[in-house]
Protein backbone atom coordinates (compact mmCIF):
# COMPACT_ATOMS: atom_id res chain seq x y z
CA MET A 1 3.38 9.29 5.18
CA THR A 2 0.05 8.74 3.45
CA THR A 3 -3.19 7.76 5.13
CA LEU A 4 -2.79 4.25 3.76
CA GLU A 5 0.79 4.00 5.04
CA ARG A 6 -0.36 5.10 8.50
CA ALA A 7 -3.15 2.50 8.50
CA LEU A 8 -0.79 -0.27 7.39
CA GLN A 9 1.80 0.79 9.99
CA SER A 10 -0.87 0.76 12.70
CA ASP A 11 -1.88 -2.77 11.71
CA LEU A 12 1.75 -3.85 11.67
CA ASP A 13 2.33 -2.26 15.09
CA ARG A 14 -0.63 -4.25 16.49
CA LEU A 15 0.84 -7.45 15.04
CA VAL A 16 4.23 -6.72 16.60
CA ASP A 17 2.54 -6.00 19.95
CA ARG A 18 0.65 -9.29 19.68
CA LEU A 19 3.83 -11.18 18.86
CA ALA A 20 5.65 -9.53 21.75
CA ALA A 21 2.90 -10.70 24.10
CA VAL A 22 2.97 -14.35 22.99
CA THR A 23 6.61 -14.96 22.13
CA ARG A 24 9.95 -14.68 23.86
CA GLU A 25 13.49 -13.85 22.85
CA GLY A 26 15.06 -16.59 20.77
CA MET A 27 11.70 -17.92 19.61
CA SER A 28 12.71 -17.70 15.96
CA LEU A 29 15.61 -20.06 16.50
CA GLU A 30 13.49 -22.40 18.61
CA CYS A 31 10.83 -22.41 15.91
CA ALA A 32 13.37 -23.55 13.35
CA GLU A 33 14.14 -26.50 15.59
CA CYS A 34 10.45 -27.37 15.98
CA GLY A 35 10.21 -28.37 12.37
CA PRO A 36 10.85 -27.14 8.88
CA THR A 37 7.15 -27.09 7.99
CA LEU A 38 6.19 -24.53 10.61
CA ARG A 39 9.23 -22.38 9.82
CA ALA A 40 8.45 -22.52 6.10
CA ARG A 41 4.83 -21.53 6.74
CA LEU A 42 5.94 -18.58 8.88
CA GLU A 43 8.36 -17.40 6.22
CA SER A 44 5.69 -17.78 3.54
CA ALA A 45 3.14 -15.82 5.58
CA GLU A 46 5.64 -13.03 6.25
CA ALA A 47 6.63 -12.86 2.58
CA ARG A 48 2.95 -12.74 1.57
CA LEU A 49 2.28 -9.96 4.08
CA SER A 50 5.17 -7.92 2.68
CA ALA A 51 4.12 -8.50 -0.93
CA ILE A 52 0.50 -7.52 -0.26
CA ARG A 53 1.62 -4.36 1.57
CA LEU A 54 3.76 -3.39 -1.42
CA ASP A 55 0.87 -4.09 -3.82
CA LEU A 56 -1.44 -1.91 -1.72
CA LEU A 57 1.04 0.96 -1.68
CA ARG A 58 1.62 0.70 -5.42
CA GLY A 59 -2.12 0.54 -6.02
CA PHE A 60 -2.63 3.58 -3.82
CA GLY A 61 -0.01 5.44 -5.86
CA ASP A 62 -1.88 4.52 -9.05
CA TRP A 63 -5.15 5.60 -7.41
CA TYR A 64 -3.68 8.96 -6.39
CA ARG A 65 -2.25 9.60 -9.87
CA ALA A 66 -5.62 8.71 -11.45
CA LEU A 67 -7.36 11.16 -9.11
CA GLU A 68 -4.91 13.88 -10.08
CA GLU A 69 -5.33 13.14 -13.79
CA CYS A 70 -9.11 13.20 -13.53
CA GLY A 71 -9.02 16.51 -11.65
CA ASP A 72 -6.59 18.02 -14.15
CA LEU A 73 -8.71 16.93 -17.11
CA TRP A 74 -11.87 18.38 -15.58
CA ALA A 75 -10.02 21.65 -14.97
CA THR A 76 -8.94 21.61 -18.62
CA ALA A 77 -12.55 20.96 -19.67
CA ALA A 78 -13.68 23.93 -17.60
CA LEU A 79 -11.07 26.12 -19.28
CA ALA A 80 -12.14 24.87 -22.70
CA ALA A 81 -15.75 25.69 -21.92
CA ASP A 82 -14.72 29.27 -21.14
CA GLN A 83 -12.80 29.69 -24.43
CA PRO A 84 -14.36 31.28 -27.49
CA SER A 85 -16.00 28.88 -29.94
CA GLY A 86 -13.55 27.03 -32.18
CA SER A 87 -10.78 26.99 -29.61
CA ASP A 88 -9.42 23.55 -28.73
CA LEU A 89 -7.34 22.56 -25.70
CA ARG A 90 -6.69 18.95 -26.77
CA ALA A 91 -2.95 19.47 -26.47
CA ALA A 92 -3.23 20.49 -22.79
């Protein structure tokens, strides 16, 4: 589990704890009876939360790969600097 995944899980755990403190068993069904607008807003908020979490994790993956690429290219540059003149590591 990455640092970002741990942070997101911690936030989600706090939300679940908060919900457990203010709701009761069967609340989801009762909420549906309270009105379709509130239920639709809850579903929309939960879907948005899931989508944003996925975007963050994908973005973090891209970030990590970019870090690796940058590090690899600088290592290649260091090797190229140590090579005799005329040598080229472009294919690396």
